[in-house]
Amino acid sequence: TENRSDLEDLHLYATPREQRFRRFASLEFEGQLYMTPYDFIQAVTSDEPKYARKWRSLSKQELNQILMETPPVWKGSSKLFRNLNEKGVISYTEYLFLLCILTKPHAGFRIAFNMFDTDGNEMVDKKEFLVLQEIFRKKNEKREKRGDEEKRAMLRLQLYGYHTSTNSVLKTEGEDLVPRSYWDTLRRSTSQALFSDLAERADDFSSSLSDTTLLVHFFGKKGKAELNFEDFYRFMDNLQTEVLEIEFLSYSNGMNTISEEDFAHILLRYTNVENTSSYLENMRCSIPEEKVI
């Protein structure tokens, strides 16, 4: 278990999203950090963890037991993350993927599925899913804070489970000049991945990664199952429903309604706005009489 001073030291070299993942993650396996489903729910519905975290090291046996108890995708529900609670492992790239899902409208679910379905057979397999995760990782490398390379290497090991190079096969001229969302990165990079050495090397980087709850949920314990659009849509819809329900209940205090200001707090949590007080003040001025939702 790593002590708190080490955590804070590496925090200096982490981006805001990396910092948040490290603050809420509670598990470590072979040097890589993981969230539990409970940690993820906390990370998207709370400003800070309830308790100061120390990462608990998982043994191979403990990890295998967790994965053995992971339900298949057709048994998913809008209580999946709450039911799994502490019995699950979520990697950093999966954390980024899940954050994207939470802000995606239903109309975009088909577009999202097609981005993963790189061979166009109406099914997504494990290799295709991992290629898109690798695109997430490479996009994130471009946002890294500069500094002590040894510290950055330690941080990459914690977040991705292996040392990485900042030479991205997906980089195009002038790309760094335009900040893009992770979802936009997926949309723009999918066709490139098909013809790059990234796709050709998918087996190489996937063999160095440990299975996670999400991988087993989608592709089975042997990794041979494939994900169809209906199951993918249901997973995304269930996750959005689950998080919104938790958010609503956290503000409603057992009632059937919440205030408009509480609703604004929920919406602002999914933005990059740092000074939310001015937005809330504008809302109060425009709605003098408080109503409920």
Protein backbone atom coordinates (compact mmCIF):
# COMPACT_ATOMS: atom_id res chain seq x y z
CA THR A 1 0.00 0.00 0.00
CA GLU A 2 1.40 3.39 -0.99
CA ASN A 3 1.45 6.12 1.63
CA ARG A 4 -0.24 9.49 1.37
CA SER A 5 2.95 11.52 0.80
CA ASP A 6 3.79 9.47 -2.30
CA LEU A 7 0.28 10.05 -3.62
CA GLU A 8 0.53 13.81 -3.17
CA ASP A 9 4.01 13.88 -4.72
CA LEU A 10 2.86 12.28 -7.99
CA HIS A 11 -0.27 14.45 -7.96
CA LEU A 12 1.97 17.38 -8.92
CA TYR A 13 2.63 15.73 -12.30
CA ALA A 14 -0.95 14.61 -12.98
CA THR A 15 -3.66 16.29 -15.05
CA PRO A 16 -6.94 17.19 -13.26
CA ARG A 17 -8.67 14.01 -14.49
CA GLU A 18 -5.72 11.87 -13.49
CA GLN A 19 -5.71 13.52 -10.07
CA ARG A 20 -9.40 12.79 -9.60
CA PHE A 21 -9.01 9.16 -10.61
CA ARG A 22 -6.10 8.71 -8.20
CA ARG A 23 -8.01 10.38 -5.36
CA PHE A 24 -11.02 8.10 -5.69
CA ALA A 25 -9.31 4.83 -6.74
CA SER A 26 -8.97 2.36 -3.87
CA LEU A 27 -7.33 -0.71 -5.45
CA GLU A 28 -3.92 -1.58 -6.88
CA PHE A 29 -2.86 -4.64 -8.84
CA GLU A 30 0.70 -5.14 -10.12
CA GLY A 31 1.39 -1.41 -9.86
CA GLN A 32 -1.76 -0.26 -11.69
CA LEU A 33 -4.55 1.61 -9.91
CA TYR A 34 -8.23 0.70 -10.23
CA MET A 35 -11.55 2.06 -9.08
CA THR A 36 -14.28 -0.15 -7.73
CA PRO A 37 -17.81 0.51 -9.07
CA TYR A 38 -18.49 2.21 -5.72
CA ASP A 39 -15.43 4.45 -6.24
CA PHE A 40 -16.68 5.42 -9.71
CA ILE A 41 -20.13 6.37 -8.42
CA GLN A 42 -18.47 8.46 -5.70
CA ALA A 43 -16.18 10.14 -8.25
CA VAL A 44 -19.07 11.33 -10.43
CA THR A 45 -21.47 12.30 -7.64
CA SER A 46 -19.17 13.74 -4.94
CA ASP A 47 -16.59 16.50 -4.82
CA GLU A 48 -14.21 14.51 -2.61
CA PRO A 49 -13.94 10.91 -1.36
CA LYS A 50 -15.67 10.25 1.94
CA TYR A 51 -12.43 8.96 3.42
CA ALA A 52 -8.73 9.52 2.77
CA ARG A 53 -7.78 6.63 0.50
CA LYS A 54 -4.96 4.16 0.76
CA TRP A 55 -4.74 1.82 -2.18
CA ARG A 56 -5.37 -1.79 -1.22
CA SER A 57 -3.24 -4.28 -3.12
CA LEU A 58 -5.18 -7.10 -4.77
CA SER A 59 -3.71 -10.56 -5.13
CA LYS A 60 -4.18 -12.47 -8.39
CA GLN A 61 -6.57 -14.79 -6.57
CA GLU A 62 -8.67 -11.88 -5.28
CA LEU A 63 -8.85 -10.32 -8.74
CA ASN A 64 -9.87 -13.62 -10.33
CA GLN A 65 -12.61 -14.05 -7.72
CA ILE A 66 -13.96 -10.56 -8.45
CA LEU A 67 -14.01 -11.26 -12.19
CA MET A 68 -15.66 -14.66 -11.68
CA GLU A 69 -18.58 -12.91 -9.96
CA THR A 70 -19.04 -10.33 -12.74
CA PRO A 71 -22.46 -10.73 -14.41
CA PRO A 72 -22.74 -10.97 -18.23
CA VAL A 73 -23.96 -7.93 -20.15
CA TRP A 74 -27.44 -9.39 -20.69
CA LYS A 75 -27.90 -9.37 -16.91
CA GLY A 76 -27.12 -5.66 -16.67
CA SER A 77 -29.48 -3.21 -14.97
CA SER A 78 -29.72 0.39 -13.79
CA LYS A 79 -28.40 -0.83 -10.44
CA LEU A 80 -25.34 -2.65 -11.82
CA PHE A 81 -22.71 -0.42 -10.23
CA ARG A 82 -24.53 -0.28 -6.90
CA ASN A 83 -25.00 -4.05 -6.87
CA LEU A 84 -21.33 -4.67 -7.65
CA ASN A 85 -20.32 -2.07 -5.04
CA GLU A 86 -16.72 -2.94 -4.03
CA LYS A 87 -16.61 -6.13 -6.13
CA GLY A 88 -15.23 -4.78 -9.37
CA VAL A 89 -12.18 -3.16 -10.99
CA ILE A 90 -12.29 -0.20 -13.40
CA SER A 91 -9.12 1.02 -15.14
CA TYR A 92 -8.28 4.65 -15.88
CA THR A 93 -9.07 4.40 -19.62
CA GLU A 94 -12.40 2.77 -18.74
CA TYR A 95 -13.05 5.63 -16.33
CA LEU A 96 -12.60 8.08 -19.23
CA PHE A 97 -14.89 5.97 -21.42
CA LEU A 98 -17.61 5.87 -18.73
CA LEU A 99 -17.39 9.64 -18.25
CA CYS A 100 -18.05 10.05 -21.97
CA ILE A 101 -21.13 7.84 -21.73
CA LEU A 102 -22.62 10.00 -18.99
CA THR A 103 -22.68 13.09 -21.21
CA LYS A 104 -23.79 11.38 -24.43
CA PRO A 105 -27.42 11.83 -25.64
CA HIS A 106 -29.35 8.72 -26.63
CA ALA A 107 -29.25 9.86 -30.25
CA GLY A 108 -25.48 9.43 -30.17
CA PHE A 109 -25.47 5.83 -28.93
CA ARG A 110 -25.49 4.38 -32.46
CA ILE A 111 -22.63 6.67 -33.50
CA ALA A 112 -20.69 5.54 -30.45
CA PHE A 113 -21.28 1.87 -31.25
CA ASN A 114 -20.17 2.34 -34.85
CA MET A 115 -16.91 3.88 -33.65
CA PHE A 116 -16.12 0.70 -31.74
CA ASP A 117 -17.34 -1.56 -34.57
CA THR A 118 -14.29 -0.91 -36.74
CA ASP A 119 -14.91 -3.86 -39.11
CA GLY A 120 -18.58 -2.98 -39.64
CA ASN A 121 -20.01 -6.40 -38.73
CA GLU A 122 -22.57 -4.95 -36.27
CA MET A 123 -20.70 -6.54 -33.36
CA VAL A 124 -17.90 -5.23 -31.13
CA ASP A 125 -15.25 -7.68 -29.96
CA LYS A 126 -12.68 -7.31 -27.21
CA LYS A 127 -9.86 -6.34 -29.58
CA GLU A 128 -11.91 -3.50 -31.09
CA PHE A 129 -12.81 -2.21 -27.64
CA LEU A 130 -9.16 -2.22 -26.54
CA VAL A 131 -8.02 -0.36 -29.67
CA LEU A 132 -10.41 2.46 -28.84
CA GLN A 133 -9.17 2.49 -25.24
CA GLU A 134 -5.64 2.83 -26.61
CA ILE A 135 -6.77 5.89 -28.56
CA PHE A 136 -8.06 7.35 -25.30
CA ARG A 137 -4.67 6.72 -23.71
CA LYS A 138 -2.73 8.34 -26.52
CA LYS A 139 -4.98 11.39 -26.49
CA ASN A 140 -4.42 11.69 -22.76
CA GLU A 141 -0.64 11.57 -23.20
CA LYS A 142 -0.80 14.78 -25.21
CA ARG A 143 -2.40 16.50 -22.23
CA GLU A 144 0.28 15.39 -19.80
CA LYS A 145 1.91 17.98 -17.62
CA ARG A 146 5.58 18.43 -18.35
CA GLY A 147 8.07 17.75 -15.61
CA ASP A 148 10.20 15.04 -14.05
CA GLU A 149 10.15 12.23 -16.62
CA GLU A 150 10.77 9.60 -13.95
CA LYS A 151 7.69 10.80 -12.05
CA ARG A 152 5.63 10.84 -15.24
CA ALA A 153 6.76 7.28 -16.00
CA MET A 154 5.66 6.18 -12.51
CA LEU A 155 2.32 7.89 -13.05
CA ARG A 156 1.79 6.21 -16.43
CA LEU A 157 2.53 2.85 -14.84
CA GLN A 158 -0.13 3.53 -12.19
CA LEU A 159 -2.72 4.65 -14.74
CA TYR A 160 -2.10 2.26 -17.63
CA GLY A 161 -0.23 -0.68 -16.14
CA TYR A 162 2.77 -0.34 -18.44
CA HIS A 163 5.31 2.26 -19.54
CA THR A 164 4.23 4.23 -22.57
CA SER A 165 5.81 6.35 -25.23
CA THR A 166 4.52 9.79 -26.11
CA ASN A 167 5.01 9.12 -29.84
CA SER A 168 1.41 8.84 -30.97
CA VAL A 169 0.63 7.09 -34.24
CA LEU A 170 -2.62 9.05 -34.31
CA LYS A 171 -1.14 12.53 -34.29
CA THR A 172 -1.89 14.70 -37.29
CA GLU A 173 -0.44 18.05 -38.22
CA GLY A 174 -1.81 20.86 -36.07
CA GLU A 175 -3.88 18.52 -33.93
CA ASP A 176 -2.51 19.84 -30.65
CA LEU A 177 -3.73 23.34 -31.52
CA VAL A 178 -7.38 22.34 -31.19
CA PRO A 179 -8.54 20.95 -27.82
CA ARG A 180 -11.07 18.17 -28.32
CA SER A 181 -13.22 16.06 -26.07
CA TYR A 182 -12.38 12.38 -25.63
CA TRP A 183 -15.53 11.44 -27.51
CA ASP A 184 -14.55 13.66 -30.44
CA THR A 185 -11.13 12.01 -30.36
CA LEU A 186 -12.77 8.60 -30.78
CA ARG A 187 -14.89 9.81 -33.68
CA ARG A 188 -11.95 11.37 -35.52
CA SER A 189 -9.45 8.60 -34.81
CA THR A 190 -11.37 5.40 -35.55
CA SER A 191 -10.69 5.28 -39.28
CA GLN A 192 -7.03 6.06 -38.67
CA ALA A 193 -6.77 3.21 -36.18
CA LEU A 194 -7.87 0.75 -38.84
CA PHE A 195 -4.87 1.52 -40.99
CA SER A 196 -2.25 2.34 -38.37
CA ASP A 197 0.24 0.17 -36.59
CA LEU A 198 -1.90 0.72 -33.49
CA ALA A 199 -4.53 -1.70 -34.77
CA GLU A 200 -1.83 -4.12 -35.91
CA ARG A 201 -0.28 -4.04 -32.43
CA ALA A 202 -3.58 -4.52 -30.58
CA ASP A 203 -2.63 -8.05 -29.55
CA ASP A 204 0.67 -6.78 -28.15
CA PHE A 205 -0.73 -4.17 -25.80
CA SER A 206 -3.84 -6.19 -24.90
CA SER A 207 -1.72 -9.14 -23.78
CA SER A 208 0.00 -6.91 -21.20
CA LEU A 209 -3.30 -5.74 -19.67
CA SER A 210 -5.25 -7.43 -16.91
CA ASP A 211 -8.92 -8.19 -17.41
CA THR A 212 -11.37 -5.82 -15.73
CA THR A 213 -14.99 -5.96 -14.66
CA LEU A 214 -16.06 -4.06 -17.78
CA LEU A 215 -14.15 -6.37 -20.14
CA VAL A 216 -15.64 -9.48 -18.52
CA HIS A 217 -19.11 -7.89 -18.43
CA PHE A 218 -18.95 -7.12 -22.17
CA PHE A 219 -16.94 -10.03 -23.56
CA GLY A 220 -17.26 -12.87 -21.07
CA LYS A 221 -14.72 -14.56 -18.83
CA LYS A 222 -12.84 -16.00 -21.82
CA GLY A 223 -12.98 -12.75 -23.79
CA LYS A 224 -14.57 -14.45 -26.80
CA ALA A 225 -18.10 -13.01 -26.60
CA GLU A 226 -19.13 -10.09 -28.81
CA LEU A 227 -21.24 -7.05 -27.97
CA ASN A 228 -24.25 -6.19 -30.12
CA PHE A 229 -25.87 -2.77 -30.38
CA GLU A 230 -28.88 -3.62 -28.22
CA ASP A 231 -26.69 -4.67 -25.29
CA PHE A 232 -24.39 -1.68 -25.80
CA TYR A 233 -27.36 0.72 -25.87
CA ARG A 234 -28.84 -0.86 -22.75
CA PHE A 235 -25.54 -0.56 -20.87
CA MET A 236 -25.15 3.13 -21.72
CA ASP A 237 -28.78 3.90 -20.91
CA ASN A 238 -28.60 1.99 -17.61
CA LEU A 239 -25.44 3.80 -16.54
CA GLN A 240 -26.94 7.22 -17.23
CA THR A 241 -30.12 6.24 -15.38
CA GLU A 242 -28.20 4.88 -12.40
CA VAL A 243 -26.00 7.96 -11.94
CA LEU A 244 -28.89 10.41 -12.41
CA GLU A 245 -30.98 8.47 -9.90
CA ILE A 246 -28.15 8.59 -7.35
CA GLU A 247 -27.68 12.33 -7.99
CA PHE A 248 -31.41 12.98 -7.60
CA LEU A 249 -31.66 10.98 -4.38
CA SER A 250 -28.65 12.78 -2.90
CA TYR A 251 -30.51 16.11 -3.20
CA SER A 252 -34.14 15.06 -2.67
CA ASN A 253 -33.83 13.95 0.97
CA GLY A 254 -36.45 11.29 0.40
CA MET A 255 -38.86 13.61 -1.41
CA ASN A 256 -40.11 13.24 -4.99
CA THR A 257 -38.71 16.58 -6.17
CA ILE A 258 -35.53 18.66 -6.06
CA SER A 259 -35.05 22.42 -6.45
CA GLU A 260 -33.94 24.02 -9.69
CA GLU A 261 -30.72 25.08 -7.98
CA ASP A 262 -30.00 21.48 -6.99
CA PHE A 263 -30.61 20.45 -10.59
CA ALA A 264 -28.17 23.14 -11.74
CA HIS A 265 -25.56 21.73 -9.34
CA ILE A 266 -25.99 18.30 -10.97
CA LEU A 267 -25.57 19.73 -14.49
CA LEU A 268 -22.51 21.80 -13.57
CA ARG A 269 -20.78 18.74 -12.16
CA TYR A 270 -20.39 17.41 -15.73
CA THR A 271 -18.81 20.58 -17.12
CA ASN A 272 -15.28 21.97 -16.97
CA VAL A 273 -16.52 25.15 -15.27
CA GLU A 274 -14.37 25.99 -12.25
CA ASN A 275 -16.25 28.99 -10.83
CA THR A 276 -19.79 27.64 -10.59
CA SER A 277 -20.97 30.28 -8.10
CA SER A 278 -21.46 32.93 -10.80
CA TYR A 279 -23.61 30.56 -12.86
CA LEU A 280 -25.73 29.70 -9.84
CA GLU A 281 -26.13 33.38 -8.96
CA ASN A 282 -27.33 34.15 -12.50
CA MET A 283 -29.85 31.34 -12.20
CA ARG A 284 -31.16 32.69 -8.88
CA CYS A 285 -31.63 36.14 -10.42
CA SER A 286 -33.47 34.79 -13.45
CA ILE A 287 -35.75 32.57 -11.33
CA PRO A 288 -36.75 34.70 -8.31
CA GLU A 289 -39.35 32.20 -7.09
CA GLU A 290 -37.87 28.80 -6.39
CA LYS A 291 -39.62 25.97 -8.17
CA VAL A 292 -39.13 22.24 -7.99
CA ILE A 293 -38.32 19.55 -10.53
